[in-house]
Amino acid sequence: MTLLAGVLDALHVSQGELARRAGLTRQTVSDAYHGREGVSLPSWIKIAKALHVPLSRVSPVSAAELDGLVVRS
């Protein structure tokens, strides 16, 4: 089970609902849910914001990828 799958299960949120909340395609959410490569960092940020959880709870993005990143609300 991926991090995202666990969070969605715990929050009782479907992939379709997450796609709607995050403003992403169902395909992007499905790719993230199944741990497929190619999900962009901005997409992971949208997912975390839509679920009101820290990025580290849903994304396998490494600390090196986040180094120096500035996120504005």
PDB file of N, CA and C in Angstrom:
ATOM      1  N   MET A   1       0.849  -1.175   0.000  1.00  0.00           N
ATOM      2  CA  MET A   1       0.000   0.000   0.000  1.00  0.00           C
ATOM      3  C   MET A   1       0.899   1.244   0.000  1.00  0.00           C
ATOM      4  N   THR A   2       0.560   2.198  -0.835  1.00  0.00           N
ATOM      5  CA  THR A   2       1.321   3.441  -0.889  1.00  0.00           C
ATOM      6  C   THR A   2       0.893   4.377   0.243  1.00  0.00           C
ATOM      7  N   LEU A   3       1.714   5.399   0.491  1.00  0.00           N
ATOM      8  CA  LEU A   3       1.355   6.392   1.504  1.00  0.00           C
ATOM      9  C   LEU A   3      -0.002   7.014   1.192  1.00  0.00           C
ATOM     10  N   LEU A   4      -0.187   7.410  -0.069  1.00  0.00           N
ATOM     11  CA  LEU A   4      -1.439   8.047  -0.460  1.00  0.00           C
ATOM     12  C   LEU A   4      -2.621   7.110  -0.278  1.00  0.00           C
ATOM     13  N   ALA A   5      -2.461   5.866  -0.645  1.00  0.00           N
ATOM     14  CA  ALA A   5      -3.557   4.902  -0.488  1.00  0.00           C
ATOM     15  C   ALA A   5      -3.969   4.794   0.976  1.00  0.00           C
ATOM     16  N   GLY A   6      -2.997   4.767   1.872  1.00  0.00           N
ATOM     17  CA  GLY A   6      -3.296   4.683   3.296  1.00  0.00           C
ATOM     18  C   GLY A   6      -4.043   5.902   3.807  1.00  0.00           C
ATOM     19  N   VAL A   7      -3.639   7.081   3.359  1.00  0.00           N
ATOM     20  CA  VAL A   7      -4.300   8.314   3.792  1.00  0.00           C
ATOM     21  C   VAL A   7      -5.731   8.377   3.257  1.00  0.00           C
ATOM     22  N   LEU A   8      -5.912   8.047   1.980  1.00  0.00           N
ATOM     23  CA  LEU A   8      -7.260   8.068   1.415  1.00  0.00           C
ATOM     24  C   LEU A   8      -8.178   7.092   2.151  1.00  0.00           C
ATOM     25  N   ASP A   9      -7.635   5.921   2.465  1.00  0.00           N
ATOM     26  CA  ASP A   9      -8.423   4.927   3.197  1.00  0.00           C
ATOM     27  C   ASP A   9      -8.801   5.459   4.578  1.00  0.00           C
ATOM     28  N   ALA A  10      -7.846   6.039   5.274  1.00  0.00           N
ATOM     29  CA  ALA A  10      -8.096   6.539   6.625  1.00  0.00           C
ATOM     30  C   ALA A  10      -9.097   7.694   6.622  1.00  0.00           C
ATOM     31  N   LEU A  11      -9.052   8.524   5.589  1.00  0.00           N
ATOM     32  CA  LEU A  11      -9.943   9.683   5.505  1.00  0.00           C
ATOM     33  C   LEU A  11     -11.265   9.372   4.791  1.00  0.00           C
ATOM     34  N   HIS A  12     -11.397   8.153   4.265  1.00  0.00           N
ATOM     35  CA  HIS A  12     -12.586   7.743   3.519  1.00  0.00           C
ATOM     36  C   HIS A  12     -12.841   8.668   2.326  1.00  0.00           C
ATOM     37  N   VAL A  13     -11.764   8.950   1.582  1.00  0.00           N
ATOM     38  CA  VAL A  13     -11.847   9.803   0.400  1.00  0.00           C
ATOM     39  C   VAL A  13     -11.515   8.942  -0.822  1.00  0.00           C
ATOM     40  N   SER A  14     -12.338   9.022  -1.844  1.00  0.00           N
ATOM     41  CA  SER A  14     -12.091   8.255  -3.064  1.00  0.00           C
ATOM     42  C   SER A  14     -11.082   8.979  -3.948  1.00  0.00           C
ATOM     43  N   GLN A  15     -10.525   8.246  -4.909  1.00  0.00           N
ATOM     44  CA  GLN A  15      -9.613   8.854  -5.865  1.00  0.00           C
ATOM     45  C   GLN A  15     -10.330   9.935  -6.672  1.00  0.00           C
ATOM     46  N   GLY A  16     -11.557   9.686  -7.039  1.00  0.00           N
ATOM     47  CA  GLY A  16     -12.327  10.667  -7.795  1.00  0.00           C
ATOM     48  C   GLY A  16     -12.557  11.944  -7.006  1.00  0.00           C
ATOM     49  N   GLU A  17     -12.878  11.796  -5.733  1.00  0.00           N
ATOM     50  CA  GLU A  17     -13.077  12.966  -4.878  1.00  0.00           C
ATOM     51  C   GLU A  17     -11.778  13.733  -4.709  1.00  0.00           C
ATOM     52  N   LEU A  18     -10.679  13.016  -4.551  1.00  0.00           N
ATOM     53  CA  LEU A  18      -9.388  13.691  -4.430  1.00  0.00           C
ATOM     54  C   LEU A  18      -9.059  14.462  -5.705  1.00  0.00           C
ATOM     55  N   ALA A  19      -9.300  13.858  -6.854  1.00  0.00           N
ATOM     56  CA  ALA A  19      -9.044  14.537  -8.126  1.00  0.00           C
ATOM     57  C   ALA A  19      -9.837  15.838  -8.202  1.00  0.00           C
ATOM     58  N   ARG A  20     -11.093  15.797  -7.789  1.00  0.00           N
ATOM     59  CA  ARG A  20     -11.942  16.990  -7.801  1.00  0.00           C
ATOM     60  C   ARG A  20     -11.399  18.055  -6.850  1.00  0.00           C
ATOM     61  N   ARG A  21     -11.087  17.648  -5.623  1.00  0.00           N
ATOM     62  CA  ARG A  21     -10.597  18.598  -4.617  1.00  0.00           C
ATOM     63  C   ARG A  21      -9.269  19.235  -5.028  1.00  0.00           C
ATOM     64  N   ALA A  22      -8.391  18.428  -5.623  1.00  0.00           N
ATOM     65  CA  ALA A  22      -7.046  18.893  -5.957  1.00  0.00           C
ATOM     66  C   ALA A  22      -6.969  19.580  -7.318  1.00  0.00           C
ATOM     67  N   GLY A  23      -8.030  19.448  -8.122  1.00  0.00           N
ATOM     68  CA  GLY A  23      -8.004  20.028  -9.456  1.00  0.00           C
ATOM     69  C   GLY A  23      -7.062  19.285 -10.382  1.00  0.00           C
ATOM     70  N   LEU A  24      -6.970  17.971 -10.192  1.00  0.00           N
ATOM     71  CA  LEU A  24      -6.096  17.125 -11.005  1.00  0.00           C
ATOM     72  C   LEU A  24      -6.942  16.121 -11.784  1.00  0.00           C
ATOM     73  N   THR A  25      -6.342  15.530 -12.798  1.00  0.00           N
ATOM     74  CA  THR A  25      -7.049  14.488 -13.536  1.00  0.00           C
ATOM     75  C   THR A  25      -7.104  13.214 -12.700  1.00  0.00           C
ATOM     76  N   ARG A  26      -8.093  12.396 -12.996  1.00  0.00           N
ATOM     77  CA  ARG A  26      -8.183  11.096 -12.312  1.00  0.00           C
ATOM     78  C   ARG A  26      -6.956  10.245 -12.611  1.00  0.00           C
ATOM     79  N   GLN A  27      -6.395  10.396 -13.809  1.00  0.00           N
ATOM     80  CA  GLN A  27      -5.199   9.627 -14.165  1.00  0.00           C
ATOM     81  C   GLN A  27      -4.017  10.008 -13.282  1.00  0.00           C
ATOM     82  N   THR A  28      -3.838  11.300 -13.039  1.00  0.00           N
ATOM     83  CA  THR A  28      -2.741  11.741 -12.172  1.00  0.00           C
ATOM     84  C   THR A  28      -2.921  11.193 -10.769  1.00  0.00           C
ATOM     85  N   VAL A  29      -4.132  11.268 -10.239  1.00  0.00           N
ATOM     86  CA  VAL A  29      -4.401  10.737  -8.907  1.00  0.00           C
ATOM     87  C   VAL A  29      -4.194   9.227  -8.884  1.00  0.00           C
ATOM     88  N   SER A  30      -4.627   8.533  -9.911  1.00  0.00           N
ATOM     89  CA  SER A  30      -4.416   7.090  -9.982  1.00  0.00           C
ATOM     90  C   SER A  30      -2.929   6.748 -10.009  1.00  0.00           C
ATOM     91  N   ASP A  31      -2.166   7.502 -10.780  1.00  0.00           N
ATOM     92  CA  ASP A  31      -0.715   7.266 -10.839  1.00  0.00           C
ATOM     93  C   ASP A  31      -0.090   7.462  -9.458  1.00  0.00           C
ATOM     94  N   ALA A  32      -0.495   8.521  -8.770  1.00  0.00           N
ATOM     95  CA  ALA A  32       0.023   8.785  -7.430  1.00  0.00           C
ATOM     96  C   ALA A  32      -0.404   7.675  -6.463  1.00  0.00           C
ATOM     97  N   TYR A  33      -1.658   7.288  -6.538  1.00  0.00           N
ATOM     98  CA  TYR A  33      -2.213   6.254  -5.656  1.00  0.00           C
ATOM     99  C   TYR A  33      -1.448   4.940  -5.786  1.00  0.00           C
ATOM    100  N   HIS A  34      -1.097   4.600  -7.018  1.00  0.00           N
ATOM    101  CA  HIS A  34      -0.420   3.325  -7.277  1.00  0.00           C
ATOM    102  C   HIS A  34       1.100   3.430  -7.222  1.00  0.00           C
ATOM    103  N   GLY A  35       1.614   4.626  -6.911  1.00  0.00           N
ATOM    104  CA  GLY A  35       3.048   4.789  -6.762  1.00  0.00           C
ATOM    105  C   GLY A  35       3.821   4.789  -8.070  1.00  0.00           C
ATOM    106  N   ARG A  36       3.143   5.148  -9.137  1.00  0.00           N
ATOM    107  CA  ARG A  36       3.815   5.189 -10.436  1.00  0.00           C
ATOM    108  C   ARG A  36       4.708   6.417 -10.529  1.00  0.00           C
ATOM    109  N   GLU A  37       5.780   6.300 -11.279  1.00  0.00           N
ATOM    110  CA  GLU A  37       6.689   7.420 -11.494  1.00  0.00           C
ATOM    111  C   GLU A  37       6.028   8.439 -12.411  1.00  0.00           C
ATOM    112  N   GLY A  38       6.521   9.661 -12.347  1.00  0.00           N
ATOM    113  CA  GLY A  38       6.040  10.688 -13.258  1.00  0.00           C
ATOM    114  C   GLY A  38       5.059  11.669 -12.654  1.00  0.00           C
ATOM    115  N   VAL A  39       4.661  11.465 -11.394  1.00  0.00           N
ATOM    116  CA  VAL A  39       3.778  12.434 -10.748  1.00  0.00           C
ATOM    117  C   VAL A  39       4.657  13.611 -10.327  1.00  0.00           C
ATOM    118  N   SER A  40       4.306  14.798 -10.789  1.00  0.00           N
ATOM    119  CA  SER A  40       5.141  15.974 -10.546  1.00  0.00           C
ATOM    120  C   SER A  40       5.033  16.457  -9.105  1.00  0.00           C
ATOM    121  N   LEU A  41       6.042  17.174  -8.672  1.00  0.00           N
ATOM    122  CA  LEU A  41       6.022  17.754  -7.332  1.00  0.00           C
ATOM    123  C   LEU A  41       4.838  18.701  -7.150  1.00  0.00           C
ATOM    124  N   PRO A  42       4.532  19.560  -8.127  1.00  0.00           N
ATOM    125  CA  PRO A  42       3.340  20.406  -7.955  1.00  0.00           C
ATOM    126  C   PRO A  42       2.050  19.591  -7.766  1.00  0.00           C
ATOM    127  N   SER A  43       1.952  18.449  -8.423  1.00  0.00           N
ATOM    128  CA  SER A  43       0.772  17.595  -8.236  1.00  0.00           C
ATOM    129  C   SER A  43       0.736  17.026  -6.828  1.00  0.00           C
ATOM    130  N   TRP A  44       1.894  16.581  -6.325  1.00  0.00           N
ATOM    131  CA  TRP A  44       1.947  16.064  -4.953  1.00  0.00           C
ATOM    132  C   TRP A  44       1.553  17.145  -3.958  1.00  0.00           C
ATOM    133  N   ILE A  45       1.973  18.372  -4.201  1.00  0.00           N
ATOM    134  CA  ILE A  45       1.619  19.477  -3.305  1.00  0.00           C
ATOM    135  C   ILE A  45       0.112  19.720  -3.334  1.00  0.00           C
ATOM    136  N   LYS A  46      -0.492  19.695  -4.518  1.00  0.00           N
ATOM    137  CA  LYS A  46      -1.946  19.857  -4.623  1.00  0.00           C
ATOM    138  C   LYS A  46      -2.681  18.759  -3.872  1.00  0.00           C
ATOM    139  N   ILE A  47      -2.173  17.544  -3.967  1.00  0.00           N
ATOM    140  CA  ILE A  47      -2.791  16.409  -3.270  1.00  0.00           C
ATOM    141  C   ILE A  47      -2.729  16.624  -1.762  1.00  0.00           C
ATOM    142  N   ALA A  48      -1.569  16.983  -1.259  1.00  0.00           N
ATOM    143  CA  ALA A  48      -1.416  17.192   0.180  1.00  0.00           C
ATOM    144  C   ALA A  48      -2.318  18.326   0.662  1.00  0.00           C
ATOM    145  N   LYS A  49      -2.362  19.415  -0.083  1.00  0.00           N
ATOM    146  CA  LYS A  49      -3.217  20.543   0.304  1.00  0.00           C
ATOM    147  C   LYS A  49      -4.691  20.140   0.284  1.00  0.00           C
ATOM    148  N   ALA A  50      -5.098  19.388  -0.725  1.00  0.00           N
ATOM    149  CA  ALA A  50      -6.507  18.973  -0.834  1.00  0.00           C
ATOM    150  C   ALA A  50      -6.921  18.080   0.328  1.00  0.00           C
ATOM    151  N   LEU A  51      -5.977  17.327   0.858  1.00  0.00           N
ATOM    152  CA  LEU A  51      -6.276  16.422   1.973  1.00  0.00           C
ATOM    153  C   LEU A  51      -5.953  17.040   3.332  1.00  0.00           C
ATOM    154  N   HIS A  52      -5.384  18.243   3.326  1.00  0.00           N
ATOM    155  CA  HIS A  52      -5.013  18.942   4.563  1.00  0.00           C
ATOM    156  C   HIS A  52      -4.049  18.110   5.407  1.00  0.00           C
ATOM    157  N   VAL A  53      -3.040  17.546   4.726  1.00  0.00           N
ATOM    158  CA  VAL A  53      -2.010  16.762   5.410  1.00  0.00           C
ATOM    159  C   VAL A  53      -0.636  17.238   4.934  1.00  0.00           C
ATOM    160  N   PRO A  54       0.410  16.993   5.728  1.00  0.00           N
ATOM    161  CA  PRO A  54       1.750  17.343   5.278  1.00  0.00           C
ATOM    162  C   PRO A  54       2.139  16.538   4.035  1.00  0.00           C
ATOM    163  N   LEU A  55       2.943  17.125   3.194  1.00  0.00           N
ATOM    164  CA  LEU A  55       3.408  16.452   1.980  1.00  0.00           C
ATOM    165  C   LEU A  55       4.033  15.098   2.302  1.00  0.00           C
ATOM    166  N   SER A  56       4.754  15.014   3.389  1.00  0.00           N
ATOM    167  CA  SER A  56       5.430  13.762   3.765  1.00  0.00           C
ATOM    168  C   SER A  56       4.462  12.627   4.074  1.00  0.00           C
ATOM    169  N   ARG A  57       3.193  12.924   4.352  1.00  0.00           N
ATOM    170  CA  ARG A  57       2.196  11.882   4.636  1.00  0.00           C
ATOM    171  C   ARG A  57       1.696  11.188   3.384  1.00  0.00           C
ATOM    172  N   VAL A  58       1.860  11.846   2.214  1.00  0.00           N
ATOM    173  CA  VAL A  58       1.291  11.274   0.996  1.00  0.00           C
ATOM    174  C   VAL A  58       2.306  10.993  -0.098  1.00  0.00           C
ATOM    175  N   SER A  59       3.448  11.664  -0.058  1.00  0.00           N
ATOM    176  CA  SER A  59       4.362  11.636  -1.192  1.00  0.00           C
ATOM    177  C   SER A  59       5.702  10.985  -0.877  1.00  0.00           C
ATOM    178  N   PRO A  60       6.210  10.215  -1.834  1.00  0.00           N
ATOM    179  CA  PRO A  60       7.551   9.648  -1.685  1.00  0.00           C
ATOM    180  C   PRO A  60       8.646  10.617  -2.126  1.00  0.00           C
ATOM    181  N   VAL A  61       8.311  11.890  -2.348  1.00  0.00           N
ATOM    182  CA  VAL A  61       9.282  12.888  -2.787  1.00  0.00           C
ATOM    183  C   VAL A  61      10.410  12.945  -1.770  1.00  0.00           C
ATOM    184  N   SER A  62      11.629  12.927  -2.259  1.00  0.00           N
ATOM    185  CA  SER A  62      12.782  12.910  -1.364  1.00  0.00           C
ATOM    186  C   SER A  62      13.115  14.295  -0.833  1.00  0.00           C
ATOM    187  N   ALA A  63      13.826  14.331   0.268  1.00  0.00           N
ATOM    188  CA  ALA A  63      14.259  15.595   0.853  1.00  0.00           C
ATOM    189  C   ALA A  63      15.127  16.378  -0.122  1.00  0.00           C
ATOM    190  N   ALA A  64      15.926  15.684  -0.920  1.00  0.00           N
ATOM    191  CA  ALA A  64      16.791  16.361  -1.892  1.00  0.00           C
ATOM    192  C   ALA A  64      15.962  17.128  -2.916  1.00  0.00           C
ATOM    193  N   GLU A  65      14.821  16.581  -3.305  1.00  0.00           N
ATOM    194  CA  GLU A  65      13.946  17.256  -4.262  1.00  0.00           C
ATOM    195  C   GLU A  65      13.307  18.504  -3.656  1.00  0.00           C
ATOM    196  N   LEU A  66      13.146  18.517  -2.347  1.00  0.00           N
ATOM    197  CA  LEU A  66      12.507  19.632  -1.662  1.00  0.00           C
ATOM    198  C   LEU A  66      13.488  20.703  -1.229  1.00  0.00           C
ATOM    199  N   ASP A  67      14.778  20.405  -1.251  1.00  0.00           N
ATOM    200  CA  ASP A  67      15.793  21.345  -0.790  1.00  0.00           C
ATOM    201  C   ASP A  67      15.704  22.657  -1.558  1.00  0.00           C
ATOM    202  N   GLY A  68      15.508  23.734  -0.842  1.00  0.00           N
ATOM    203  CA  GLY A  68      15.461  25.056  -1.454  1.00  0.00           C
ATOM    204  C   GLY A  68      14.108  25.430  -2.027  1.00  0.00           C
ATOM    205  N   LEU A  69      13.129  24.556  -1.939  1.00  0.00           N
ATOM    206  CA  LEU A  69      11.803  24.837  -2.486  1.00  0.00           C
ATOM    207  C   LEU A  69      11.058  25.811  -1.587  1.00  0.00           C
ATOM    208  N   VAL A  70      10.434  26.786  -2.204  1.00  0.00           N
ATOM    209  CA  VAL A  70       9.594  27.733  -1.476  1.00  0.00           C
ATOM    210  C   VAL A  70       8.166  27.538  -1.979  1.00  0.00           C
ATOM    211  N   VAL A  71       7.253  27.252  -1.044  1.00  0.00           N
ATOM    212  CA  VAL A  71       5.858  27.028  -1.401  1.00  0.00           C
ATOM    213  C   VAL A  71       5.037  28.177  -0.849  1.00  0.00           C
ATOM    214  N   ARG A  72       4.247  28.768  -1.706  1.00  0.00           N
ATOM    215  CA  ARG A  72       3.357  29.849  -1.297  1.00  0.00           C
ATOM    216  C   ARG A  72       1.913  29.381  -1.391  1.00  0.00           C
ATOM    217  N   SER A  73       1.113  29.791  -0.446  1.00  0.00           N
ATOM    218  CA  SER A  73      -0.317  29.403  -0.450  1.00  0.00           C
ATOM    219  C   SER A  73      -1.072  30.185  -1.482  1.00  0.00           C
TER     220      SER A  73
END
